[in-house]
Amino acid sequence: CKLLAVGSLFFWQWEHLPLAVGTYTASGNSLLAVGMPCAFYSQHHLLIELEHKAYWALKHVNFDLKTASDHRKLQLNELSELRDQAYENSVIYKERIKKLHDSKIKNCIFNVGDQVLLFNSCLKIFSGKLKTRWRMHLNRGKIEPINADKEITLVDVETQEEIAQKLHDKEVKKAAAKDKQEKDDLERAQVLQK
């Protein structure tokens, strides 16, 4: 739709008004009408003009509202179907990728008493590098089948005494390291005094 308009004209521009109106009337035969200036608070305005083709297109759309609404509903339905297909495609893609990753994992048979690594997937916020790490070795484990898809969980079956012994061993190692550091410091001090 092509719209033509003439801006506001003040009283000192009245002498150019006939030229502007004449220009618009002579510019083409597709104009419906030329608005005459109207005075509003010392301003004169010309009406907005529509082209002949735009007028008939607007008239055609107004007469054909039902067809236009049906066409719009059809477009919206096609859009929703496209969104549903995209969702289904993403689900299919994720399933295929999961199968691919699972096929690359070696089939391992875990027995009670095997030494396995426990994978720690917790990320530290302020660590130097954001990595997942293998936390510790598990020598004893109880295998609990979850379902028939060969998924198992390894549960550490250490007693409280074994945990306390491990903690005690760590404390002993730390204490031995401190004693060694103190001995080295004493030896250096004695060497410096001589």
N, C-alpha and C. Protein backbone atom coordinates (compact mmCIF):
# COMPACT_ATOMS: atom_id res chain seq x y z
N CYS A 1 0.87 -1.18 0.00
CA CYS A 1 0.00 0.00 0.00
C CYS A 1 0.90 1.22 0.00
N LYS A 2 0.77 2.08 -0.97
CA LYS A 2 1.61 3.26 -1.08
C LYS A 2 0.79 4.46 -0.63
N LEU A 3 1.32 5.16 0.37
CA LEU A 3 0.61 6.32 0.91
C LEU A 3 1.37 7.58 0.56
N LEU A 4 0.65 8.59 0.16
CA LEU A 4 1.25 9.89 -0.15
C LEU A 4 0.70 10.92 0.81
N ALA A 5 1.54 11.79 1.29
CA ALA A 5 1.07 12.81 2.24
C ALA A 5 1.86 14.09 2.02
N VAL A 6 1.24 15.17 2.33
CA VAL A 6 1.89 16.48 2.31
C VAL A 6 1.93 16.96 3.74
N GLY A 7 3.07 17.45 4.19
CA GLY A 7 3.23 17.87 5.58
C GLY A 7 2.45 19.12 5.91
N SER A 8 2.63 19.58 7.13
CA SER A 8 1.93 20.78 7.61
C SER A 8 2.41 22.02 6.87
N LEU A 9 1.50 22.87 6.56
CA LEU A 9 1.84 24.12 5.89
C LEU A 9 1.44 25.28 6.79
N PHE A 10 2.35 26.21 7.03
CA PHE A 10 2.05 27.37 7.85
C PHE A 10 1.56 28.51 6.97
N PHE A 11 1.13 29.59 7.59
CA PHE A 11 0.50 30.67 6.82
C PHE A 11 1.45 31.31 5.83
N TRP A 12 2.76 31.33 6.08
CA TRP A 12 3.68 31.92 5.10
C TRP A 12 3.94 30.98 3.93
N GLN A 13 3.43 29.74 3.98
CA GLN A 13 3.58 28.80 2.87
C GLN A 13 2.31 28.69 2.04
N TRP A 14 1.30 29.53 2.30
CA TRP A 14 0.04 29.43 1.56
C TRP A 14 0.22 29.67 0.07
N GLU A 15 1.19 30.51 -0.28
CA GLU A 15 1.36 30.81 -1.69
C GLU A 15 1.85 29.59 -2.47
N HIS A 16 2.51 28.62 -1.80
CA HIS A 16 2.99 27.42 -2.47
C HIS A 16 1.96 26.30 -2.48
N LEU A 17 0.84 26.50 -1.78
CA LEU A 17 -0.16 25.46 -1.68
C LEU A 17 -0.75 25.05 -3.03
N PRO A 18 -1.12 25.98 -3.90
CA PRO A 18 -1.65 25.54 -5.20
C PRO A 18 -0.64 24.75 -6.02
N LEU A 19 0.65 25.09 -5.90
CA LEU A 19 1.67 24.32 -6.62
C LEU A 19 1.73 22.88 -6.11
N ALA A 20 1.67 22.73 -4.80
CA ALA A 20 1.73 21.38 -4.22
C ALA A 20 0.53 20.56 -4.63
N VAL A 21 -0.66 21.15 -4.56
CA VAL A 21 -1.88 20.43 -4.95
C VAL A 21 -1.85 20.10 -6.43
N GLY A 22 -1.40 21.06 -7.25
CA GLY A 22 -1.32 20.82 -8.68
C GLY A 22 -0.33 19.73 -9.01
N THR A 23 0.77 19.66 -8.27
CA THR A 23 1.77 18.63 -8.49
C THR A 23 1.18 17.25 -8.22
N TYR A 24 0.45 17.15 -7.14
CA TYR A 24 -0.12 15.84 -6.80
C TYR A 24 -1.23 15.44 -7.76
N THR A 25 -1.98 16.40 -8.25
CA THR A 25 -3.05 16.03 -9.19
C THR A 25 -2.47 15.63 -10.54
N ALA A 26 -1.34 16.24 -10.93
CA ALA A 26 -0.76 15.94 -12.23
C ALA A 26 0.21 14.76 -12.17
N SER A 27 0.53 14.27 -10.95
CA SER A 27 1.56 13.23 -10.85
C SER A 27 1.09 11.88 -11.33
N GLY A 28 -0.21 11.67 -11.44
CA GLY A 28 -0.67 10.39 -11.95
C GLY A 28 -2.18 10.31 -11.89
N ASN A 29 -2.72 9.44 -12.71
CA ASN A 29 -4.17 9.32 -12.73
C ASN A 29 -4.65 8.25 -11.75
N SER A 30 -3.74 7.68 -10.97
CA SER A 30 -4.15 6.63 -10.05
C SER A 30 -4.63 7.18 -8.71
N LEU A 31 -4.50 8.48 -8.49
CA LEU A 31 -4.99 9.05 -7.23
C LEU A 31 -6.50 9.16 -7.25
N LEU A 32 -7.10 8.88 -6.11
CA LEU A 32 -8.55 8.95 -6.03
C LEU A 32 -9.03 10.38 -5.91
N ALA A 33 -8.45 11.09 -4.98
CA ALA A 33 -8.89 12.47 -4.75
C ALA A 33 -7.74 13.24 -4.14
N VAL A 34 -7.84 14.52 -4.21
CA VAL A 34 -6.85 15.40 -3.61
C VAL A 34 -7.54 16.17 -2.50
N GLY A 35 -6.99 16.07 -1.31
CA GLY A 35 -7.61 16.75 -0.17
C GLY A 35 -7.34 18.23 -0.21
N MET A 36 -8.29 19.01 0.19
CA MET A 36 -8.13 20.45 0.26
C MET A 36 -7.59 20.81 1.63
N PRO A 37 -6.85 21.91 1.74
CA PRO A 37 -6.27 22.28 3.04
C PRO A 37 -7.36 22.65 4.04
N CYS A 38 -7.15 22.23 5.27
CA CYS A 38 -8.05 22.55 6.37
C CYS A 38 -7.26 23.30 7.42
N ALA A 39 -7.83 24.31 8.01
CA ALA A 39 -7.12 25.14 8.98
C ALA A 39 -7.33 24.59 10.39
N PHE A 40 -6.22 24.28 11.06
CA PHE A 40 -6.25 23.87 12.46
C PHE A 40 -5.16 24.63 13.18
N TYR A 41 -5.52 25.59 13.97
CA TYR A 41 -4.57 26.36 14.77
C TYR A 41 -3.43 26.88 13.91
N SER A 42 -3.72 27.53 12.88
CA SER A 42 -2.79 28.14 11.93
C SER A 42 -1.96 27.12 11.16
N GLN A 43 -2.36 25.86 11.14
CA GLN A 43 -1.68 24.86 10.32
C GLN A 43 -2.67 24.32 9.30
N HIS A 44 -2.19 24.01 8.14
CA HIS A 44 -3.03 23.46 7.08
C HIS A 44 -2.52 22.06 6.74
N HIS A 45 -3.44 21.14 6.64
CA HIS A 45 -3.08 19.75 6.39
C HIS A 45 -3.78 19.27 5.13
N LEU A 46 -3.08 18.45 4.39
CA LEU A 46 -3.70 17.77 3.26
C LEU A 46 -4.01 16.34 3.69
N LEU A 47 -5.07 15.80 3.17
CA LEU A 47 -5.46 14.44 3.51
C LEU A 47 -4.47 13.43 2.93
N ILE A 48 -4.39 12.29 3.59
CA ILE A 48 -3.54 11.20 3.10
C ILE A 48 -4.23 10.55 1.91
N GLU A 49 -3.48 10.36 0.86
CA GLU A 49 -4.05 9.82 -0.37
C GLU A 49 -3.64 8.36 -0.56
N LEU A 50 -4.56 7.58 -1.00
CA LEU A 50 -4.29 6.18 -1.31
C LEU A 50 -4.26 6.00 -2.81
N GLU A 51 -3.42 5.11 -3.26
CA GLU A 51 -3.41 4.79 -4.67
C GLU A 51 -4.62 3.93 -5.01
N HIS A 52 -4.96 3.94 -6.26
CA HIS A 52 -6.14 3.21 -6.71
C HIS A 52 -6.00 1.70 -6.49
N LYS A 53 -4.82 1.16 -6.76
CA LYS A 53 -4.60 -0.28 -6.59
C LYS A 53 -4.68 -0.67 -5.12
N ALA A 54 -4.12 0.16 -4.25
CA ALA A 54 -4.17 -0.14 -2.82
C ALA A 54 -5.60 -0.12 -2.32
N TYR A 55 -6.41 0.80 -2.83
CA TYR A 55 -7.81 0.87 -2.42
C TYR A 55 -8.54 -0.42 -2.80
N TRP A 56 -8.32 -0.90 -4.02
CA TRP A 56 -9.01 -2.11 -4.45
C TRP A 56 -8.48 -3.35 -3.73
N ALA A 57 -7.19 -3.38 -3.43
CA ALA A 57 -6.64 -4.51 -2.67
C ALA A 57 -7.23 -4.54 -1.27
N LEU A 58 -7.35 -3.37 -0.65
CA LEU A 58 -7.95 -3.29 0.68
C LEU A 58 -9.41 -3.72 0.64
N LYS A 59 -10.11 -3.31 -0.39
CA LYS A 59 -11.51 -3.69 -0.54
C LYS A 59 -11.63 -5.20 -0.74
N HIS A 60 -10.73 -5.79 -1.52
CA HIS A 60 -10.75 -7.24 -1.77
C HIS A 60 -10.48 -8.02 -0.48
N VAL A 61 -9.52 -7.58 0.33
CA VAL A 61 -9.22 -8.25 1.59
C VAL A 61 -10.39 -8.15 2.54
N ASN A 62 -11.04 -7.00 2.59
CA ASN A 62 -12.18 -6.84 3.49
C ASN A 62 -13.34 -7.75 3.10
N PHE A 63 -13.54 -7.99 1.81
CA PHE A 63 -14.64 -8.85 1.39
C PHE A 63 -14.33 -10.33 1.63
N ASP A 64 -13.04 -10.69 1.71
CA ASP A 64 -12.64 -12.08 1.76
C ASP A 64 -12.05 -12.43 3.13
N LEU A 65 -12.71 -12.05 4.21
CA LEU A 65 -12.18 -12.27 5.55
C LEU A 65 -12.14 -13.75 5.92
N LYS A 66 -13.14 -14.51 5.55
CA LYS A 66 -13.20 -15.92 5.93
C LYS A 66 -12.05 -16.70 5.29
N THR A 67 -11.80 -16.45 4.01
CA THR A 67 -10.71 -17.14 3.33
C THR A 67 -9.36 -16.76 3.94
N ALA A 68 -9.20 -15.47 4.25
CA ALA A 68 -7.95 -15.02 4.85
C ALA A 68 -7.74 -15.66 6.23
N SER A 69 -8.81 -15.75 7.03
CA SER A 69 -8.67 -16.35 8.36
C SER A 69 -8.37 -17.85 8.25
N ASP A 70 -9.00 -18.52 7.29
CA ASP A 70 -8.71 -19.95 7.09
C ASP A 70 -7.27 -20.16 6.66
N HIS A 71 -6.78 -19.29 5.79
CA HIS A 71 -5.39 -19.40 5.33
C HIS A 71 -4.42 -19.18 6.49
N ARG A 72 -4.73 -18.21 7.34
CA ARG A 72 -3.87 -17.92 8.50
C ARG A 72 -3.87 -19.10 9.48
N LYS A 73 -5.03 -19.70 9.72
CA LYS A 73 -5.10 -20.87 10.60
C LYS A 73 -4.28 -22.03 10.04
N LEU A 74 -4.34 -22.20 8.72
CA LEU A 74 -3.57 -23.26 8.07
C LEU A 74 -2.07 -23.03 8.26
N GLN A 75 -1.63 -21.77 8.12
CA GLN A 75 -0.22 -21.45 8.32
C GLN A 75 0.21 -21.73 9.76
N LEU A 76 -0.64 -21.37 10.73
CA LEU A 76 -0.31 -21.61 12.14
C LEU A 76 -0.23 -23.11 12.44
N ASN A 77 -1.14 -23.89 11.86
CA ASN A 77 -1.11 -25.34 12.06
C ASN A 77 0.16 -25.95 11.45
N GLU A 78 0.55 -25.47 10.27
CA GLU A 78 1.78 -25.97 9.66
C GLU A 78 2.99 -25.64 10.52
N LEU A 79 3.00 -24.45 11.12
CA LEU A 79 4.10 -24.04 11.99
C LEU A 79 4.17 -24.93 13.23
N SER A 80 3.02 -25.22 13.83
CA SER A 80 3.03 -26.08 15.03
C SER A 80 3.47 -27.50 14.67
N GLU A 81 3.07 -28.01 13.49
CA GLU A 81 3.52 -29.33 13.05
C GLU A 81 5.03 -29.34 12.84
N LEU A 82 5.57 -28.26 12.29
CA LEU A 82 7.01 -28.17 12.08
C LEU A 82 7.75 -28.19 13.41
N ARG A 83 7.22 -27.48 14.42
CA ARG A 83 7.84 -27.49 15.75
C ARG A 83 7.81 -28.89 16.35
N ASP A 84 6.68 -29.59 16.21
CA ASP A 84 6.58 -30.95 16.74
C ASP A 84 7.58 -31.88 16.08
N GLN A 85 7.74 -31.74 14.75
CA GLN A 85 8.70 -32.58 14.04
C GLN A 85 10.13 -32.28 14.49
N ALA A 86 10.43 -31.01 14.75
CA ALA A 86 11.77 -30.65 15.22
C ALA A 86 12.03 -31.28 16.58
N TYR A 87 11.02 -31.28 17.47
CA TYR A 87 11.18 -31.90 18.79
C TYR A 87 11.41 -33.40 18.65
N GLU A 88 10.62 -34.06 17.80
CA GLU A 88 10.78 -35.50 17.59
C GLU A 88 12.16 -35.80 17.00
N ASN A 89 12.63 -34.97 16.08
CA ASN A 89 13.95 -35.19 15.50
C ASN A 89 15.04 -35.05 16.54
N SER A 90 14.90 -34.09 17.46
CA SER A 90 15.92 -33.93 18.50
C SER A 90 15.93 -35.12 19.44
N VAL A 91 14.76 -35.67 19.75
CA VAL A 91 14.70 -36.86 20.61
C VAL A 91 15.36 -38.05 19.91
N ILE A 92 15.07 -38.22 18.62
CA ILE A 92 15.69 -39.31 17.86
C ILE A 92 17.20 -39.13 17.80
N TYR A 93 17.66 -37.90 17.60
CA TYR A 93 19.10 -37.62 17.55
C TYR A 93 19.77 -37.98 18.87
N LYS A 94 19.15 -37.58 19.98
CA LYS A 94 19.74 -37.88 21.29
C LYS A 94 19.80 -39.39 21.53
N GLU A 95 18.76 -40.11 21.13
CA GLU A 95 18.77 -41.57 21.30
C GLU A 95 19.88 -42.21 20.47
N ARG A 96 20.08 -41.75 19.24
CA ARG A 96 21.13 -42.32 18.39
C ARG A 96 22.51 -42.03 18.96
N ILE A 97 22.73 -40.81 19.43
CA ILE A 97 24.02 -40.46 20.01
C ILE A 97 24.28 -41.29 21.27
N LYS A 98 23.25 -41.50 22.07
CA LYS A 98 23.42 -42.32 23.28
C LYS A 98 23.80 -43.74 22.91
N LYS A 99 23.14 -44.31 21.89
CA LYS A 99 23.49 -45.66 21.44
C LYS A 99 24.93 -45.71 20.93
N LEU A 100 25.36 -44.67 20.22
CA LEU A 100 26.72 -44.64 19.69
C LEU A 100 27.73 -44.62 20.82
N HIS A 101 27.50 -43.77 21.83
CA HIS A 101 28.42 -43.69 22.95
C HIS A 101 28.43 -45.00 23.74
N ASP A 102 27.25 -45.59 23.92
CA ASP A 102 27.17 -46.85 24.65
C ASP A 102 27.87 -47.98 23.90
N SER A 103 27.83 -47.93 22.57
CA SER A 103 28.48 -48.99 21.79
C SER A 103 30.00 -48.90 21.90
N LYS A 104 30.54 -47.71 22.16
CA LYS A 104 31.99 -47.56 22.28
C LYS A 104 32.51 -47.97 23.65
N ILE A 105 31.62 -48.08 24.63
CA ILE A 105 32.04 -48.51 25.96
C ILE A 105 32.23 -50.02 25.93
N LYS A 106 33.36 -50.48 26.47
CA LYS A 106 33.63 -51.91 26.47
C LYS A 106 32.74 -52.60 27.49
N ASN A 107 32.33 -53.80 27.16
CA ASN A 107 31.53 -54.58 28.09
C ASN A 107 32.45 -55.12 29.18
N CYS A 108 32.25 -54.67 30.39
CA CYS A 108 33.06 -55.10 31.52
C CYS A 108 32.19 -55.92 32.45
N ILE A 109 32.75 -56.99 32.93
CA ILE A 109 32.03 -57.81 33.91
C ILE A 109 32.68 -57.55 35.26
N PHE A 110 31.92 -57.03 36.18
CA PHE A 110 32.40 -56.71 37.51
C PHE A 110 32.03 -57.83 38.46
N ASN A 111 32.99 -58.27 39.22
CA ASN A 111 32.76 -59.27 40.24
C ASN A 111 33.09 -58.67 41.60
N VAL A 112 32.56 -59.30 42.63
CA VAL A 112 32.85 -58.82 43.98
C VAL A 112 34.33 -59.04 44.26
N GLY A 113 34.99 -58.00 44.77
CA GLY A 113 36.41 -58.07 45.09
C GLY A 113 37.30 -57.51 44.01
N ASP A 114 36.77 -57.15 42.84
CA ASP A 114 37.59 -56.55 41.79
C ASP A 114 37.98 -55.14 42.18
N GLN A 115 39.15 -54.72 41.70
CA GLN A 115 39.60 -53.37 41.97
C GLN A 115 39.08 -52.47 40.85
N VAL A 116 38.29 -51.47 41.22
CA VAL A 116 37.70 -50.57 40.24
C VAL A 116 38.00 -49.14 40.65
N LEU A 117 37.87 -48.23 39.70
CA LEU A 117 38.05 -46.81 39.98
C LEU A 117 36.69 -46.16 40.15
N LEU A 118 36.58 -45.33 41.15
CA LEU A 118 35.34 -44.59 41.37
C LEU A 118 35.48 -43.24 40.70
N PHE A 119 34.57 -42.92 39.82
CA PHE A 119 34.64 -41.67 39.05
C PHE A 119 33.91 -40.58 39.79
N ASN A 120 34.59 -39.48 40.06
CA ASN A 120 34.00 -38.35 40.75
C ASN A 120 33.69 -37.28 39.72
N SER A 121 32.41 -37.02 39.49
CA SER A 121 32.03 -36.05 38.47
C SER A 121 31.70 -34.69 39.05
N CYS A 122 31.97 -34.48 40.34
CA CYS A 122 31.69 -33.18 40.96
C CYS A 122 32.78 -32.20 40.54
N LEU A 123 32.40 -31.05 40.06
CA LEU A 123 33.35 -30.03 39.65
C LEU A 123 33.49 -28.99 40.76
N LYS A 124 34.72 -28.61 41.04
CA LYS A 124 34.93 -27.55 42.02
C LYS A 124 34.80 -26.21 41.32
N ILE A 125 34.21 -25.26 42.01
CA ILE A 125 33.94 -23.97 41.37
C ILE A 125 35.23 -23.20 41.13
N PHE A 126 36.12 -23.17 42.13
CA PHE A 126 37.30 -22.32 42.03
C PHE A 126 38.57 -23.13 41.82
N SER A 127 38.47 -24.28 41.20
CA SER A 127 39.68 -25.04 40.93
C SER A 127 40.41 -24.43 39.75
N GLY A 128 41.68 -24.81 39.60
CA GLY A 128 42.46 -24.27 38.51
C GLY A 128 41.91 -24.67 37.16
N LYS A 129 41.55 -25.93 37.04
CA LYS A 129 40.98 -26.44 35.81
C LYS A 129 39.69 -27.17 36.16
N LEU A 130 38.69 -27.00 35.33
CA LEU A 130 37.43 -27.69 35.57
C LEU A 130 37.53 -29.08 34.97
N LYS A 131 37.90 -30.04 35.80
CA LYS A 131 38.06 -31.41 35.34
C LYS A 131 37.32 -32.35 36.28
N THR A 132 36.87 -33.44 35.72
CA THR A 132 36.39 -34.51 36.57
C THR A 132 37.56 -35.44 36.83
N ARG A 133 37.58 -36.09 37.99
CA ARG A 133 38.74 -36.88 38.36
C ARG A 133 38.32 -38.25 38.87
N TRP A 134 39.28 -39.16 38.75
CA TRP A 134 39.09 -40.47 39.37
C TRP A 134 39.45 -40.33 40.83
N ARG A 135 38.52 -40.62 41.71
CA ARG A 135 38.70 -40.30 43.11
C ARG A 135 39.55 -41.33 43.84
N MET A 136 39.19 -42.60 43.85
CA MET A 136 39.95 -43.58 44.61
C MET A 136 39.66 -44.97 44.07
N HIS A 137 40.47 -45.90 44.54
CA HIS A 137 40.27 -47.30 44.19
C HIS A 137 39.32 -47.93 45.20
N LEU A 138 38.43 -48.75 44.70
CA LEU A 138 37.56 -49.53 45.57
C LEU A 138 37.96 -50.99 45.42
N ASN A 139 38.39 -51.59 46.50
CA ASN A 139 38.79 -52.98 46.43
C ASN A 139 37.63 -53.93 46.69
N ARG A 140 36.72 -53.52 47.52
CA ARG A 140 35.58 -54.37 47.83
C ARG A 140 34.33 -53.67 47.37
N GLY A 141 33.43 -54.41 46.84
CA GLY A 141 32.19 -53.80 46.40
C GLY A 141 31.07 -54.81 46.37
N LYS A 142 29.89 -54.30 46.48
CA LYS A 142 28.71 -55.15 46.38
C LYS A 142 28.01 -54.75 45.09
N ILE A 143 27.74 -55.70 44.23
CA ILE A 143 27.14 -55.40 42.93
C ILE A 143 25.64 -55.54 43.06
N GLU A 144 24.95 -54.47 42.72
CA GLU A 144 23.49 -54.48 42.79
C GLU A 144 22.93 -54.23 41.40
N PRO A 145 22.31 -55.21 40.78
CA PRO A 145 21.74 -54.97 39.45
C PRO A 145 20.51 -54.07 39.54
N ILE A 146 20.45 -53.06 38.67
CA ILE A 146 19.31 -52.15 38.66
C ILE A 146 18.24 -52.66 37.72
N ASN A 147 18.62 -52.97 36.52
CA ASN A 147 17.66 -53.53 35.56
C ASN A 147 18.40 -54.48 34.63
N ALA A 148 17.71 -54.97 33.64
CA ALA A 148 18.30 -55.98 32.77
C ALA A 148 19.20 -55.39 31.69
N ASP A 149 19.42 -54.07 31.70
CA ASP A 149 20.25 -53.43 30.68
C ASP A 149 21.72 -53.36 31.08
N LYS A 150 22.15 -54.26 31.95
CA LYS A 150 23.55 -54.36 32.39
C LYS A 150 24.01 -53.11 33.12
N GLU A 151 23.12 -52.42 33.80
CA GLU A 151 23.53 -51.28 34.61
C GLU A 151 23.73 -51.76 36.03
N ILE A 152 24.86 -51.41 36.62
CA ILE A 152 25.13 -51.84 37.99
C ILE A 152 25.64 -50.66 38.79
N THR A 153 25.53 -50.77 40.09
CA THR A 153 26.12 -49.77 40.97
C THR A 153 27.12 -50.47 41.86
N LEU A 154 28.23 -49.83 42.10
CA LEU A 154 29.24 -50.37 43.00
C LEU A 154 29.13 -49.63 44.31
N VAL A 155 28.94 -50.37 45.37
CA VAL A 155 28.78 -49.78 46.69
C VAL A 155 29.96 -50.23 47.54
N ASP A 156 30.64 -49.28 48.16
CA ASP A 156 31.77 -49.61 49.01
C ASP A 156 31.24 -50.19 50.32
N VAL A 157 31.81 -51.33 50.74
CA VAL A 157 31.31 -52.02 51.92
C VAL A 157 32.34 -51.97 53.04
N GLU A 158 32.99 -50.85 53.21
CA GLU A 158 33.98 -50.73 54.28
C GLU A 158 33.29 -50.54 55.62
N THR A 159 33.88 -51.09 56.63
CA THR A 159 33.33 -50.92 57.97
C THR A 159 33.85 -49.62 58.56
N GLN A 160 33.28 -49.22 59.66
CA GLN A 160 33.72 -47.99 60.32
C GLN A 160 35.17 -48.12 60.79
N GLU A 161 35.58 -49.32 61.20
CA GLU A 161 36.95 -49.52 61.67
C GLU A 161 37.95 -49.31 60.53
N GLU A 162 37.61 -49.81 59.32
CA GLU A 162 38.51 -49.63 58.18
C GLU A 162 38.62 -48.17 57.79
N ILE A 163 37.50 -47.44 57.85
CA ILE A 163 37.53 -46.01 57.54
C ILE A 163 38.38 -45.27 58.57
N ALA A 164 38.20 -45.61 59.84
CA ALA A 164 39.00 -44.98 60.90
C ALA A 164 40.48 -45.29 60.72
N GLN A 165 40.80 -46.53 60.30
CA GLN A 165 42.20 -46.91 60.08
C GLN A 165 42.80 -46.09 58.94
N LYS A 166 42.03 -45.90 57.85
CA LYS A 166 42.52 -45.08 56.73
C LYS A 166 42.79 -43.65 57.18
N LEU A 167 41.84 -43.09 57.94
CA LEU A 167 42.04 -41.72 58.43
C LEU A 167 43.25 -41.65 59.35
N HIS A 168 43.42 -42.66 60.19
CA HIS A 168 44.57 -42.68 61.10
C HIS A 168 45.87 -42.76 60.30
N ASP A 169 45.88 -43.58 59.24
CA ASP A 169 47.08 -43.69 58.41
C ASP A 169 47.42 -42.35 57.78
N LYS A 170 46.40 -41.63 57.31
CA LYS A 170 46.65 -40.31 56.72
C LYS A 170 47.20 -39.35 57.75
N GLU A 171 46.63 -39.41 58.97
CA GLU A 171 47.12 -38.53 60.03
C GLU A 171 48.55 -38.87 60.39
N VAL A 172 48.86 -40.16 60.42
CA VAL A 172 50.23 -40.57 60.74
C VAL A 172 51.18 -40.08 59.67
N LYS A 173 50.79 -40.19 58.40
CA LYS A 173 51.65 -39.71 57.32
C LYS A 173 51.88 -38.21 57.42
N LYS A 174 50.81 -37.46 57.75
CA LYS A 174 50.96 -36.02 57.89
C LYS A 174 51.87 -35.69 59.06
N ALA A 175 51.69 -36.41 60.17
CA ALA A 175 52.52 -36.16 61.34
C ALA A 175 53.98 -36.49 61.05
N ALA A 176 54.22 -37.57 60.32
CA ALA A 176 55.60 -37.94 59.97
C ALA A 176 56.22 -36.87 59.08
N ALA A 177 55.44 -36.31 58.17
CA ALA A 177 55.96 -35.26 57.30
C ALA A 177 56.30 -34.02 58.11
N LYS A 178 55.46 -33.69 59.10
CA LYS A 178 55.76 -32.53 59.94
C LYS A 178 57.02 -32.76 60.76
N ASP A 179 57.17 -33.98 61.31
CA ASP A 179 58.37 -34.29 62.09
C ASP A 179 59.62 -34.18 61.23
N LYS A 180 59.53 -34.66 59.99
CA LYS A 180 60.68 -34.59 59.09
C LYS A 180 61.03 -33.13 58.79
N GLN A 181 60.02 -32.29 58.59
CA GLN A 181 60.25 -30.87 58.30
C GLN A 181 60.90 -30.20 59.51
N GLU A 182 60.42 -30.54 60.71
CA GLU A 182 61.01 -29.96 61.93
C GLU A 182 62.46 -30.38 62.09
N LYS A 183 62.78 -31.66 61.81
CA LYS A 183 64.16 -32.14 61.92
C LYS A 183 65.05 -31.40 60.94
N ASP A 184 64.58 -31.20 59.71
CA ASP A 184 65.36 -30.48 58.71
C ASP A 184 65.61 -29.04 59.15
N ASP A 185 64.60 -28.41 59.74
CA ASP A 185 64.76 -27.03 60.22
C ASP A 185 65.79 -26.97 61.35
N LEU A 186 65.76 -27.94 62.27
CA LEU A 186 66.73 -27.97 63.38
C LEU A 186 68.14 -28.17 62.86
N GLU A 187 68.31 -29.05 61.88
CA GLU A 187 69.64 -29.29 61.32
C GLU A 187 70.17 -28.04 60.64
N ARG A 188 69.35 -27.31 59.92
CA ARG A 188 69.78 -26.07 59.26
C ARG A 188 70.17 -25.02 60.29
N ALA A 189 69.39 -24.94 61.36
CA ALA A 189 69.71 -23.97 62.41
C ALA A 189 71.04 -24.30 63.07
N GLN A 190 71.31 -25.59 63.29
CA GLN A 190 72.58 -25.98 63.90
C GLN A 190 73.74 -25.68 62.97
N VAL A 191 73.55 -25.90 61.67
CA VAL A 191 74.61 -25.62 60.70
C VAL A 191 74.89 -24.12 60.66
N LEU A 192 73.87 -23.31 60.74
CA LEU A 192 74.05 -21.85 60.69
C LEU A 192 74.73 -21.34 61.96
N GLN A 193 74.48 -21.98 63.10
CA GLN A 193 75.10 -21.53 64.34
C GLN A 193 76.59 -21.82 64.36
N LYS A 194 77.03 -22.86 63.69
CA LYS A 194 78.46 -23.20 63.67
C LYS A 194 79.16 -22.26 62.77
